[in-house]
Amino acid sequence: MKQIIITALCAGLSCVAAEQSRFPKLPDSPSKLIGILKGAGDRYTIGDVRVDYVKESDLPYLVGLLDSKEPCAFLDMSTSSILYPGKSSVGHEAAYLIEGFWRRYYPTDLTSQLYKPDVEGIKHWYQRWSHLKKLAEEDGAASGSPPSPSATNRTSSGLGSVDPKLAEKAEVVLRGTRLTPGGGSKYLICEVQVSKVYTNRSGRSIGKSIEVAAYSFRPGVPTGSSTFYLERYNETNTNLWRLVGGEASTGISHNEK
């Protein structure tokens, strides 16, 4: 019986692999993908997911497309069975690719049909992020060394102590203080009092206190006041967030005990 189960499992995995291999992989760059989507009809199905597919260097091109209403195909994963009538637009797919930059993998869902972009929010984020990045690079060039923490802390438009590199990947950037040490198994979830929200492109409201999760086996939320770089923990609990990357090195900066 055990051998039969193993054989059936292997056969099933082989079928999945064969099914995925029938579909094309993502092209070398987002610009090439946009070109493919323009001529692909209503939908374009791919068979792979790529980590860090969208690079920082792709952002100016993609942001420049956000207002485009030119029709193109939706992008589907080969495992998707979701089908709505109609076509996508170049602006919609460009925004979806930027979502992939934030989340560090692309595509981020079974189909781009499910993605609801906040185009003005993306533009606002890009403007502030670009300005912070420029200031950090200027300080680094003036000193003849890579940008220091003091350089990357320089802010504009009311932003406080924010690391622009960490902010690239975050849906929410805020200043807060840990109220509880946290509990859990895989994740430790603690309560954080929010003092200031720098960036919020999540579409969710941020209350006076939130819950923040971090891996229990990695450095997490420290005591004291910190800048938090957050991504959504799940789609149901809107007050529960996770440190970007699940740990302090990618989700915390400017800690003051």
Protein backbone atom coordinates (compact mmCIF):
# COMPACT_ATOMS: atom_id res chain seq x y z
CA MET A 1 0.00 0.00 0.00
CA LYS A 2 2.82 2.42 0.90
CA GLN A 3 4.51 1.74 -2.44
CA ILE A 4 1.23 2.42 -4.28
CA ILE A 5 0.79 5.76 -2.49
CA ILE A 6 4.38 6.83 -3.27
CA THR A 7 3.97 5.81 -6.91
CA ALA A 8 0.72 7.76 -7.19
CA LEU A 9 2.30 10.83 -5.58
CA CYS A 10 5.28 10.74 -7.93
CA ALA A 11 2.95 10.37 -10.89
CA GLY A 12 0.92 13.36 -9.72
CA LEU A 13 4.02 15.52 -9.31
CA SER A 14 5.22 14.46 -12.74
CA CYS A 15 1.88 15.52 -14.21
CA VAL A 16 2.12 18.93 -12.53
CA ALA A 17 5.67 19.40 -13.79
CA ALA A 18 4.65 18.34 -17.30
CA GLU A 19 1.67 20.69 -17.20
CA GLN A 20 3.84 23.63 -16.17
CA SER A 21 6.49 22.83 -18.78
CA ARG A 22 3.86 23.27 -21.52
CA PHE A 23 3.70 26.99 -20.73
CA PRO A 24 6.39 29.57 -21.46
CA LYS A 25 8.62 30.97 -18.76
CA LEU A 26 8.85 34.65 -17.97
CA PRO A 27 11.03 36.54 -20.47
CA ASP A 28 14.32 38.13 -19.46
CA SER A 29 12.87 41.47 -18.40
CA PRO A 30 9.60 43.22 -17.53
CA SER A 31 9.88 45.38 -20.66
CA LYS A 32 9.92 42.24 -22.82
CA LEU A 33 6.95 40.87 -20.89
CA ILE A 34 4.95 44.04 -21.53
CA GLY A 35 5.70 43.69 -25.23
CA ILE A 36 4.47 40.08 -25.19
CA LEU A 37 1.28 41.01 -23.32
CA LYS A 38 0.45 43.67 -25.91
CA GLY A 39 0.20 41.03 -28.62
CA ALA A 40 -1.10 38.08 -26.62
CA GLY A 41 -4.89 38.47 -26.90
CA ASP A 42 -6.96 38.37 -23.71
CA ARG A 43 -4.64 36.28 -21.55
CA TYR A 44 -1.05 35.10 -21.37
CA THR A 45 -0.22 32.06 -19.23
CA ILE A 46 3.23 31.41 -17.78
CA GLY A 47 4.63 28.36 -16.01
CA ASP A 48 7.08 29.82 -13.50
CA VAL A 49 7.48 32.28 -10.63
CA ARG A 50 10.68 34.30 -10.36
CA VAL A 51 12.29 35.79 -7.26
CA ASP A 52 13.51 39.39 -7.73
CA TYR A 53 12.22 39.39 -11.31
CA VAL A 54 11.54 43.13 -11.24
CA LYS A 55 14.71 45.11 -10.59
CA GLU A 56 15.21 48.62 -9.30
CA SER A 57 16.39 49.61 -12.79
CA ASP A 58 12.98 48.59 -14.21
CA LEU A 59 11.03 51.06 -12.07
CA PRO A 60 11.33 54.24 -14.20
CA TYR A 61 10.04 52.35 -17.26
CA LEU A 62 7.14 50.77 -15.36
CA VAL A 63 6.11 53.96 -13.55
CA GLY A 64 6.05 55.71 -16.93
CA LEU A 65 3.42 53.20 -18.11
CA LEU A 66 1.03 53.50 -15.18
CA ASP A 67 -1.43 55.79 -16.98
CA SER A 68 -1.49 53.75 -20.18
CA LYS A 69 -4.93 52.46 -21.19
CA GLU A 70 -3.55 50.47 -24.12
CA PRO A 71 -5.24 47.03 -24.13
CA CYS A 72 -3.16 43.95 -23.43
CA ALA A 73 -3.51 40.47 -21.99
CA PHE A 74 -3.95 39.58 -18.35
CA LEU A 75 -1.11 37.47 -16.98
CA ASP A 76 -2.15 34.08 -15.56
CA MET A 77 -0.21 31.35 -13.81
CA SER A 78 -0.64 27.90 -15.28
CA THR A 79 -2.33 26.74 -12.06
CA SER A 80 -5.08 29.38 -12.27
CA SER A 81 -8.65 28.49 -13.18
CA ILE A 82 -9.97 32.03 -12.68
CA LEU A 83 -11.46 33.54 -15.80
CA TYR A 84 -13.19 36.89 -16.16
CA PRO A 85 -14.11 38.31 -19.57
CA GLY A 86 -12.26 41.26 -21.04
CA LYS A 87 -8.71 42.48 -21.41
CA SER A 88 -6.20 44.13 -19.15
CA SER A 89 -4.27 47.35 -19.86
CA VAL A 90 -0.58 48.17 -20.04
CA GLY A 91 -0.95 50.45 -17.01
CA HIS A 92 -2.58 47.68 -14.96
CA GLU A 93 0.13 45.18 -15.80
CA ALA A 94 2.89 47.72 -15.11
CA ALA A 95 1.39 48.30 -11.65
CA TYR A 96 1.23 44.54 -11.09
CA LEU A 97 4.92 44.26 -11.97
CA ILE A 98 5.74 46.99 -9.43
CA GLU A 99 3.82 44.92 -6.87
CA GLY A 100 6.25 42.13 -7.75
CA PHE A 101 9.17 44.45 -7.00
CA TRP A 102 7.71 45.26 -3.58
CA ARG A 103 7.05 41.61 -2.72
CA ARG A 104 10.33 40.38 -4.27
CA TYR A 105 8.66 37.74 -6.46
CA TYR A 106 6.48 37.76 -9.56
CA PRO A 107 3.74 36.98 -10.32
CA THR A 108 2.31 37.55 -6.85
CA ASP A 109 -1.08 35.90 -7.45
CA LEU A 110 -2.75 33.31 -9.66
CA THR A 111 -3.78 36.00 -12.13
CA SER A 112 -3.31 39.72 -12.57
CA GLN A 113 -7.12 39.98 -12.76
CA LEU A 114 -7.19 39.80 -8.96
CA TYR A 115 -4.82 42.74 -8.51
CA LYS A 116 -6.40 46.10 -7.64
CA PRO A 117 -3.78 48.82 -8.18
CA ASP A 118 -3.59 52.15 -6.41
CA VAL A 119 -1.93 54.05 -9.25
CA GLU A 120 -1.73 57.41 -7.47
CA GLY A 121 -0.36 55.70 -4.37
CA ILE A 122 2.35 54.02 -6.46
CA LYS A 123 3.32 57.34 -8.05
CA HIS A 124 3.47 59.05 -4.66
CA TRP A 125 5.63 56.25 -3.24
CA TYR A 126 7.99 56.34 -6.22
CA GLN A 127 8.43 60.10 -5.99
CA ARG A 128 9.39 59.99 -2.31
CA TRP A 129 11.51 56.85 -2.68
CA SER A 130 13.45 58.37 -5.61
CA HIS A 131 14.10 61.55 -3.67
CA LEU A 132 15.38 59.69 -0.62
CA LYS A 133 17.59 57.49 -2.78
CA LYS A 134 19.06 60.54 -4.54
CA LEU A 135 19.87 62.23 -1.24
CA ALA A 136 21.61 59.11 0.05
CA GLU A 137 23.65 58.76 -3.16
CA GLU A 138 24.67 62.42 -3.06
CA ASP A 139 25.90 62.08 0.52
CA GLY A 140 27.80 58.92 -0.42
CA ALA A 141 29.45 60.63 -3.40
CA ALA A 142 30.42 63.66 -1.32
CA SER A 143 32.09 61.52 1.31
CA GLY A 144 33.66 59.12 -1.17
CA SER A 145 32.02 56.14 0.52
CA PRO A 146 28.72 54.26 0.37
CA PRO A 147 25.79 56.04 2.01
CA SER A 148 26.02 55.87 5.78
CA PRO A 149 23.06 55.43 8.11
CA SER A 150 23.03 59.19 8.69
CA ALA A 151 22.80 59.75 4.93
CA THR A 152 19.97 57.33 4.37
CA ASN A 153 18.15 58.86 7.33
CA ARG A 154 17.82 62.21 5.57
CA THR A 155 14.21 62.90 4.81
CA SER A 156 11.77 65.16 3.01
CA SER A 157 8.02 65.78 2.94
CA GLY A 158 7.67 64.99 6.63
CA LEU A 159 9.39 61.58 6.49
CA GLY A 160 11.30 60.69 9.64
CA SER A 161 14.06 58.15 10.25
CA VAL A 162 13.58 55.95 7.21
CA ASP A 163 16.04 53.70 5.41
CA PRO A 164 15.10 54.01 1.71
CA LYS A 165 16.56 50.61 0.83
CA LEU A 166 14.37 48.86 3.41
CA ALA A 167 11.39 51.01 2.42
CA GLU A 168 11.59 49.72 -1.18
CA LYS A 169 9.96 46.42 -0.23
CA ALA A 170 7.51 47.61 2.41
CA GLU A 171 3.79 48.19 2.04
CA VAL A 172 3.77 50.22 5.25
CA VAL A 173 6.56 52.21 6.89
CA LEU A 174 5.86 53.61 10.34
CA ARG A 175 7.40 54.64 13.63
CA GLY A 176 6.28 52.66 16.65
CA THR A 177 7.09 51.26 20.07
CA ARG A 178 6.80 47.64 21.13
CA LEU A 179 4.26 47.24 23.94
CA THR A 180 4.37 43.45 24.52
CA PRO A 181 7.18 40.89 24.11
CA GLY A 182 5.00 38.72 21.87
CA GLY A 183 4.01 35.10 21.81
CA GLY A 184 3.60 32.23 19.37
CA SER A 185 5.52 29.34 17.83
CA LYS A 186 6.73 29.90 14.25
CA TYR A 187 5.95 33.61 14.58
CA LEU A 188 6.12 35.82 17.66
CA ILE A 189 3.31 38.36 17.48
CA CYS A 190 3.64 41.51 19.59
CA GLU A 191 1.60 44.66 20.01
CA VAL A 192 3.09 47.90 18.71
CA GLN A 193 1.96 51.43 19.51
CA VAL A 194 2.04 53.57 16.35
CA SER A 195 3.41 57.09 16.68
CA LYS A 196 3.73 58.08 13.00
CA VAL A 197 2.93 56.55 9.61
CA TYR A 198 5.45 57.51 6.92
CA THR A 199 4.13 55.43 4.02
CA ASN A 200 0.98 53.37 3.59
CA ARG A 201 0.25 51.89 0.17
CA SER A 202 -1.60 48.86 1.49
CA GLY A 203 -5.10 50.24 1.10
CA ARG A 204 -5.71 49.48 4.79
CA SER A 205 -6.14 51.94 7.64
CA ILE A 206 -3.51 51.98 10.37
CA GLY A 207 -4.80 52.31 13.91
CA LYS A 208 -3.12 53.61 17.04
CA SER A 209 -1.85 50.11 17.80
CA ILE A 210 -1.17 47.14 15.54
CA GLU A 211 0.11 43.58 15.83
CA VAL A 212 3.44 42.74 14.25
CA ALA A 213 4.74 39.23 13.55
CA ALA A 214 8.37 38.12 13.19
CA TYR A 215 9.99 34.70 12.97
CA SER A 216 10.59 33.23 16.43
CA PHE A 217 13.97 31.82 15.36
CA ARG A 218 15.33 35.15 14.02
CA PRO A 219 15.90 38.57 15.63
CA GLY A 220 12.49 40.26 15.66
CA VAL A 221 10.89 43.38 17.11
CA PRO A 222 13.25 45.00 19.63
CA THR A 223 12.26 46.89 22.75
CA GLY A 224 11.96 50.64 22.49
CA SER A 225 11.03 52.83 19.55
CA SER A 226 11.83 51.72 15.98
CA THR A 227 11.02 52.33 12.35
CA PHE A 228 9.00 49.38 11.06
CA TYR A 229 8.94 48.11 7.46
CA LEU A 230 5.85 45.96 7.12
CA GLU A 231 4.06 43.65 4.71
CA ARG A 232 0.64 42.12 5.20
CA TYR A 233 0.59 38.91 7.21
CA ASN A 234 -2.54 37.61 5.50
CA GLU A 235 -5.56 38.91 3.62
CA THR A 236 -8.09 38.55 6.45
CA ASN A 237 -6.66 40.20 9.59
CA THR A 238 -6.15 43.83 8.59
CA ASN A 239 -4.52 44.80 11.90
CA LEU A 240 -1.87 42.06 11.77
CA TRP A 241 1.38 42.81 9.92
CA ARG A 242 4.72 41.08 9.42
CA LEU A 243 8.19 42.53 9.30
CA VAL A 244 9.44 42.51 5.72
CA GLY A 245 11.40 39.28 5.37
CA GLY A 246 10.09 38.19 8.77
CA GLU A 247 13.05 39.57 10.75
CA ALA A 248 14.70 42.69 12.12
CA SER A 249 17.49 42.97 9.52
CA THR A 250 14.93 43.63 6.76
CA GLY A 251 12.06 45.02 8.82
CA ILE A 252 13.50 47.30 11.53
CA SER A 253 15.78 50.35 11.60
CA HIS A 254 16.63 53.31 13.83
CA ASN A 255 15.89 51.56 17.09
CA GLU A 256 16.06 53.65 20.26
CA LYS A 257 15.92 51.82 23.57
